[in-house]
């Protein structure tokens, strides 16, 4: 009877006794995927912050365009409202790189109590986008539109 129990113990050791390398292999396989997900989440968070800043820039520019026709600083220009919007957007960008100059659109003509739409496009300030395989997961430009009534 004693021999039977010894054989069972020996057979248990023989079946699953050497699992030391399995944990290392699983770690090596899972670590790159886990790090990629973390970097994508961080990059996405930074990009969302930049998008909120772009929206704020567009709103600031639209407000400036709304009252820009009365600003004496821009009175000598062909489109003082648009000039005021471009100046306000450039000042509000503060750290973000404007990809193109902000544009103004007047759907019903440049008249009082009519809307003006400002479009702002920037490049994200995302250092993670320089990593080759992660740059495909993040946008290369951020665009926002804001509308205000001309005063």
Protein backbone atom coordinates (compact mmCIF):
# COMPACT_ATOMS: atom_id res chain seq x y z
CA UNK A 1 0.00 0.00 0.00
CA UNK A 2 2.80 2.38 0.79
CA UNK A 3 4.28 1.83 -2.66
CA UNK A 4 1.04 2.91 -4.32
CA UNK A 5 1.11 6.33 -2.62
CA UNK A 6 4.76 6.89 -3.55
CA UNK A 7 4.06 6.24 -7.19
CA UNK A 8 1.18 8.70 -7.20
CA UNK A 9 3.40 11.43 -5.75
CA UNK A 10 6.10 10.72 -8.28
CA UNK A 11 3.65 10.75 -11.16
CA UNK A 12 2.19 14.08 -10.03
CA UNK A 13 5.64 15.63 -10.06
CA UNK A 14 6.37 14.23 -13.48
CA UNK A 15 3.19 15.65 -15.03
CA UNK A 16 3.33 19.30 -13.92
CA UNK A 17 6.58 19.82 -12.13
CA UNK A 18 8.44 22.13 -14.56
CA UNK A 19 6.33 25.29 -15.13
CA UNK A 20 9.04 27.86 -14.42
CA UNK A 21 9.42 29.05 -18.03
CA UNK A 22 5.71 29.32 -18.79
CA UNK A 23 5.22 32.50 -16.74
CA UNK A 24 8.17 34.17 -18.47
CA UNK A 25 6.85 33.31 -21.94
CA UNK A 26 3.38 34.66 -21.08
CA UNK A 27 4.93 37.83 -19.69
CA UNK A 28 7.00 38.38 -22.84
CA UNK A 29 3.94 37.84 -25.05
CA UNK A 30 1.56 40.08 -23.07
CA UNK A 31 3.89 42.97 -22.11
CA UNK A 32 4.13 44.63 -25.58
CA UNK A 33 0.35 44.54 -26.01
CA UNK A 34 -0.19 45.97 -22.54
CA UNK A 35 2.35 48.78 -23.11
CA UNK A 36 0.84 49.60 -26.51
CA UNK A 37 -2.62 49.93 -24.94
CA UNK A 38 -1.24 52.19 -22.21
CA UNK A 39 0.54 54.44 -24.73
CA UNK A 40 -2.56 54.63 -26.92
CA UNK A 41 -4.68 55.59 -23.91
CA UNK A 42 -2.21 58.31 -22.90
CA UNK A 43 -1.99 59.61 -26.47
CA UNK A 44 -5.77 59.61 -26.79
CA UNK A 45 -6.09 61.59 -23.55
CA UNK A 46 -3.57 64.18 -24.76
CA UNK A 47 -5.38 64.39 -28.09
CA UNK A 48 -8.74 64.95 -26.34
CA UNK A 49 -7.16 67.77 -24.35
CA UNK A 50 -5.85 69.32 -27.56
CA UNK A 51 -9.30 68.99 -29.15
CA UNK A 52 -10.88 70.87 -26.25
CA UNK A 53 -8.25 73.58 -26.69
CA UNK A 54 -9.06 73.78 -30.43
CA UNK A 55 -12.75 74.21 -29.61
CA UNK A 56 -11.84 76.99 -27.19
CA UNK A 57 -9.67 78.69 -29.82
CA UNK A 58 -12.53 78.57 -32.33
CA UNK A 59 -15.00 80.00 -29.79
CA UNK A 60 -12.57 82.77 -28.87
CA UNK A 61 -12.03 83.61 -32.53
CA UNK A 62 -15.79 83.63 -33.21
CA UNK A 63 -16.38 86.02 -30.30
CA UNK A 64 -13.61 88.27 -31.59
CA UNK A 65 -15.11 88.20 -35.09
CA UNK A 66 -18.52 89.02 -33.68
CA UNK A 67 -17.36 92.39 -32.36
CA UNK A 68 -14.24 92.79 -34.54
CA UNK A 69 -15.89 95.16 -37.00
CA UNK A 70 -15.86 97.83 -34.29
CA UNK A 71 -12.26 97.26 -33.19
CA UNK A 72 -10.17 100.28 -34.30
CA UNK A 73 -7.08 98.05 -34.54
CA UNK A 74 -8.57 96.27 -37.59
CA UNK A 75 -10.66 99.10 -39.07
CA UNK A 76 -8.38 99.69 -42.08
CA UNK A 77 -8.52 96.09 -43.31
CA UNK A 78 -10.86 94.69 -45.96
CA UNK A 79 -12.53 92.27 -43.51
CA UNK A 80 -12.04 93.59 -39.97
CA UNK A 81 -14.17 90.84 -38.38
CA UNK A 82 -12.06 88.09 -39.95
CA UNK A 83 -8.82 89.91 -39.12
CA UNK A 84 -9.90 90.15 -35.48
CA UNK A 85 -10.77 86.42 -35.48
CA UNK A 86 -7.39 85.44 -36.94
CA UNK A 87 -5.55 87.59 -34.40
CA UNK A 88 -7.58 86.16 -31.51
CA UNK A 89 -7.04 82.58 -32.71
CA UNK A 90 -3.30 83.10 -33.05
CA UNK A 91 -3.08 84.50 -29.53
CA UNK A 92 -5.33 81.79 -28.06
CA UNK A 93 -3.36 78.95 -29.72
CA UNK A 94 -0.60 79.35 -27.10
CA UNK A 95 1.47 76.23 -27.68
CA UNK A 96 -0.58 74.59 -30.41
CA UNK A 97 0.63 74.95 -33.99
CA UNK A 98 -2.03 76.30 -36.36
CA UNK A 99 -1.85 74.17 -39.49
CA UNK A 100 -3.57 76.78 -41.63
CA UNK A 101 -4.76 80.28 -41.00
CA UNK A 102 -8.26 80.31 -39.46
CA UNK A 103 -10.98 80.92 -42.02
CA UNK A 104 -14.16 82.99 -41.83
CA UNK A 105 -17.38 82.20 -43.63
CA UNK A 106 -20.47 84.39 -43.91
CA UNK A 107 -23.39 82.21 -45.07
CA UNK A 108 -25.78 85.17 -45.48
CA UNK A 109 -23.27 87.91 -46.17
CA UNK A 110 -21.34 90.14 -43.80
CA UNK A 111 -24.25 91.99 -42.20
CA UNK A 112 -25.19 92.74 -38.60
CA UNK A 113 -27.14 89.98 -36.84
CA UNK A 114 -25.94 87.39 -39.36
CA UNK A 115 -23.73 84.43 -38.40
CA UNK A 116 -20.01 84.16 -39.00
CA UNK A 117 -18.40 80.72 -38.85
CA UNK A 118 -14.76 80.37 -37.91
CA UNK A 119 -12.81 77.21 -38.78
CA UNK A 120 -9.56 76.43 -36.96
CA UNK A 121 -7.22 73.52 -37.78
CA UNK A 122 -4.20 72.64 -35.64
CA UNK A 123 -1.60 69.92 -35.38
CA UNK A 124 -1.84 68.04 -32.06
CA UNK A 125 0.96 68.55 -29.56
CA UNK A 126 1.32 64.83 -29.12
CA UNK A 127 4.82 63.41 -28.66
CA UNK A 128 3.45 59.88 -28.81
CA UNK A 129 2.42 60.36 -32.46
CA UNK A 130 6.10 60.15 -33.43
CA UNK A 131 6.15 56.45 -32.45
CA UNK A 132 5.57 54.62 -35.77
CA UNK A 133 2.92 52.02 -34.89
CA UNK A 134 1.03 54.32 -32.49
CA UNK A 135 0.78 57.26 -34.89
CA UNK A 136 -1.87 55.41 -36.90
CA UNK A 137 -4.19 55.32 -33.88
CA UNK A 138 -4.16 59.11 -33.35
CA UNK A 139 -5.42 61.90 -35.64
CA UNK A 140 -2.85 64.05 -37.49
CA UNK A 141 -4.98 67.24 -37.41
CA UNK A 142 -7.77 68.61 -35.25
CA UNK A 143 -10.43 70.90 -36.73
CA UNK A 144 -13.14 72.87 -34.99
CA UNK A 145 -15.90 75.24 -36.14
CA UNK A 146 -17.57 77.95 -34.09
CA UNK A 147 -20.40 80.28 -35.06
CA UNK A 148 -21.28 83.67 -33.62
CA UNK A 149 -23.61 86.48 -34.65
CA UNK A 150 -22.06 89.63 -36.06
CA UNK A 151 -22.84 92.64 -33.92
